[in-house]
Amino acid sequence: MAICVRCYRGSRHDNRVNHCQLKRTMKYRVTLEKTEEGYAVWCPGLPGCWSQGATEEEALKNIKDAIETYLATIEELTNENTIRVVEIPA
């Protein structure tokens, strides 16, 4: 779930608040590996999130779609839960 860094509310909160209307992006590290069939790619930070493609470009496009689907599924599965944000040192 995308969390507003100013009010610490998830994407279900009142988006009429000006600071929450900013389009946010998240960056994920992915691992890309050349295979006999093309390229395999996965996101180590999201267990089970992987994809492939005939070219590096296609594999990266596909993992982007896979990450978006993964996050939407997590949002759907946890929408009834109480969510909190914790910070850890980088």
C-alpha atoms as a PDB file:
ATOM      1  CA  MET A   1       0.000   0.000   0.000  1.00  0.00           C
ATOM      2  CA  ALA A   2       1.270   3.475  -0.779  1.00  0.00           C
ATOM      3  CA  ILE A   3       1.530   5.498   2.423  1.00  0.00           C
ATOM      4  CA  CYS A   4       1.329   9.270   2.506  1.00  0.00           C
ATOM      5  CA  VAL A   5       4.570  10.392   4.136  1.00  0.00           C
ATOM      6  CA  ARG A   6       2.892  13.429   5.655  1.00  0.00           C
ATOM      7  CA  CYS A   7      -0.189  11.980   7.313  1.00  0.00           C
ATOM      8  CA  TYR A   8       0.843   8.264   7.364  1.00  0.00           C
ATOM      9  CA  ARG A   9      -2.466   7.117   5.944  1.00  0.00           C
ATOM     10  CA  GLY A  10      -2.841   4.535   3.219  1.00  0.00           C
ATOM     11  CA  SER A  11      -4.358   4.949  -0.192  1.00  0.00           C
ATOM     12  CA  ARG A  12      -7.873   4.581   1.242  1.00  0.00           C
ATOM     13  CA  HIS A  13      -7.784   7.878   3.144  1.00  0.00           C
ATOM     14  CA  ASP A  14      -9.429  11.129   2.147  1.00  0.00           C
ATOM     15  CA  ASN A  15      -7.596  12.203  -1.002  1.00  0.00           C
ATOM     16  CA  ARG A  16      -9.144  15.673  -0.825  1.00  0.00           C
ATOM     17  CA  VAL A  17      -6.217  16.641   1.426  1.00  0.00           C
ATOM     18  CA  ASN A  18      -3.915  18.621  -0.877  1.00  0.00           C
ATOM     19  CA  HIS A  19      -0.618  17.023   0.125  1.00  0.00           C
ATOM     20  CA  CYS A  20      -2.048  13.576  -0.610  1.00  0.00           C
ATOM     21  CA  GLN A  21      -3.002  14.373  -4.186  1.00  0.00           C
ATOM     22  CA  LEU A  22       0.611  14.270  -5.323  1.00  0.00           C
ATOM     23  CA  LYS A  23       1.383  11.320  -7.570  1.00  0.00           C
ATOM     24  CA  ARG A  24       3.748   9.060  -5.686  1.00  0.00           C
ATOM     25  CA  THR A  25       6.067   6.467  -7.142  1.00  0.00           C
ATOM     26  CA  MET A  26       7.924   3.670  -5.470  1.00  0.00           C
ATOM     27  CA  LYS A  27      11.208   2.164  -6.587  1.00  0.00           C
ATOM     28  CA  TYR A  28      11.987  -1.529  -6.271  1.00  0.00           C
ATOM     29  CA  ARG A  29      15.260  -3.291  -6.933  1.00  0.00           C
ATOM     30  CA  VAL A  30      14.905  -6.163  -9.357  1.00  0.00           C
ATOM     31  CA  THR A  31      17.311  -8.916 -10.333  1.00  0.00           C
ATOM     32  CA  LEU A  32      17.690  -9.667 -14.027  1.00  0.00           C
ATOM     33  CA  GLU A  33      19.267 -12.884 -15.291  1.00  0.00           C
ATOM     34  CA  LYS A  34      19.979 -13.973 -18.880  1.00  0.00           C
ATOM     35  CA  THR A  35      18.529 -17.406 -19.637  1.00  0.00           C
ATOM     36  CA  GLU A  36      18.393 -19.663 -22.681  1.00  0.00           C
ATOM     37  CA  GLU A  37      14.865 -18.408 -23.396  1.00  0.00           C
ATOM     38  CA  GLY A  38      15.551 -14.696 -22.809  1.00  0.00           C
ATOM     39  CA  TYR A  39      15.567 -12.968 -19.425  1.00  0.00           C
ATOM     40  CA  ALA A  40      14.213 -13.888 -16.007  1.00  0.00           C
ATOM     41  CA  VAL A  41      13.512 -11.051 -13.576  1.00  0.00           C
ATOM     42  CA  TRP A  42      12.311 -10.955  -9.973  1.00  0.00           C
ATOM     43  CA  CYS A  43      11.875  -8.535  -7.130  1.00  0.00           C
ATOM     44  CA  PRO A  44      13.687  -9.817  -4.014  1.00  0.00           C
ATOM     45  CA  GLY A  45      11.716  -7.418  -1.799  1.00  0.00           C
ATOM     46  CA  LEU A  46       8.388  -8.963  -2.856  1.00  0.00           C
ATOM     47  CA  PRO A  47       8.487 -12.749  -2.326  1.00  0.00           C
ATOM     48  CA  GLY A  48       7.108 -14.663  -5.288  1.00  0.00           C
ATOM     49  CA  CYS A  49       7.055 -11.638  -7.579  1.00  0.00           C
ATOM     50  CA  TRP A  50       8.820 -12.642 -10.781  1.00  0.00           C
ATOM     51  CA  SER A  51       8.437 -12.464 -14.541  1.00  0.00           C
ATOM     52  CA  GLN A  52      10.323 -13.031 -17.776  1.00  0.00           C
ATOM     53  CA  GLY A  53      10.724 -11.691 -21.280  1.00  0.00           C
ATOM     54  CA  ALA A  54      12.391 -12.436 -24.582  1.00  0.00           C
ATOM     55  CA  THR A  55      14.442  -9.227 -24.252  1.00  0.00           C
ATOM     56  CA  GLU A  56      15.726  -7.251 -21.277  1.00  0.00           C
ATOM     57  CA  GLU A  57      13.304  -4.444 -22.132  1.00  0.00           C
ATOM     58  CA  GLU A  58      10.336  -6.831 -22.260  1.00  0.00           C
ATOM     59  CA  ALA A  59      11.353  -8.492 -18.986  1.00  0.00           C
ATOM     60  CA  LEU A  60      11.569  -5.111 -17.220  1.00  0.00           C
ATOM     61  CA  LYS A  61       8.175  -4.083 -18.595  1.00  0.00           C
ATOM     62  CA  ASN A  62       6.708  -7.393 -17.437  1.00  0.00           C
ATOM     63  CA  ILE A  63       8.156  -7.148 -13.906  1.00  0.00           C
ATOM     64  CA  LYS A  64       6.724  -3.644 -13.593  1.00  0.00           C
ATOM     65  CA  ASP A  65       3.279  -5.078 -14.389  1.00  0.00           C
ATOM     66  CA  ALA A  66       3.908  -7.972 -11.978  1.00  0.00           C
ATOM     67  CA  ILE A  67       4.862  -5.580  -9.158  1.00  0.00           C
ATOM     68  CA  GLU A  68       1.761  -3.454  -9.739  1.00  0.00           C
ATOM     69  CA  THR A  69      -0.433  -6.574  -9.663  1.00  0.00           C
ATOM     70  CA  TYR A  70       1.356  -7.900  -6.572  1.00  0.00           C
ATOM     71  CA  LEU A  71       0.816  -4.637  -4.679  1.00  0.00           C
ATOM     72  CA  ALA A  72      -2.844  -4.411  -5.748  1.00  0.00           C
ATOM     73  CA  THR A  73      -3.399  -7.961  -4.496  1.00  0.00           C
ATOM     74  CA  ILE A  74      -1.752  -7.196  -1.152  1.00  0.00           C
ATOM     75  CA  GLU A  75      -3.941  -4.087  -0.834  1.00  0.00           C
ATOM     76  CA  GLU A  76      -7.061  -6.129  -1.539  1.00  0.00           C
ATOM     77  CA  LEU A  77      -6.101  -8.895   0.907  1.00  0.00           C
ATOM     78  CA  THR A  78      -5.272  -6.470   3.723  1.00  0.00           C
ATOM     79  CA  ASN A  79      -7.942  -3.787   3.249  1.00  0.00           C
ATOM     80  CA  GLU A  80      -9.755  -4.802   6.445  1.00  0.00           C
ATOM     81  CA  ASN A  81      -6.602  -4.845   8.586  1.00  0.00           C
ATOM     82  CA  THR A  82      -5.294  -2.041  10.774  1.00  0.00           C
ATOM     83  CA  ILE A  83      -2.129  -0.730   9.137  1.00  0.00           C
ATOM     84  CA  ARG A  84       0.704   1.064  10.903  1.00  0.00           C
ATOM     85  CA  VAL A  85       3.977   2.457   9.553  1.00  0.00           C
ATOM     86  CA  VAL A  86       7.325   1.885  11.232  1.00  0.00           C
ATOM     87  CA  GLU A  87      10.612   3.457  10.239  1.00  0.00           C
ATOM     88  CA  ILE A  88      14.017   1.808  10.349  1.00  0.00           C
ATOM     89  CA  PRO A  89      17.432   3.278   9.615  1.00  0.00           C
ATOM     90  CA  ALA A  90      18.571   2.927   5.990  1.00  0.00           C
END
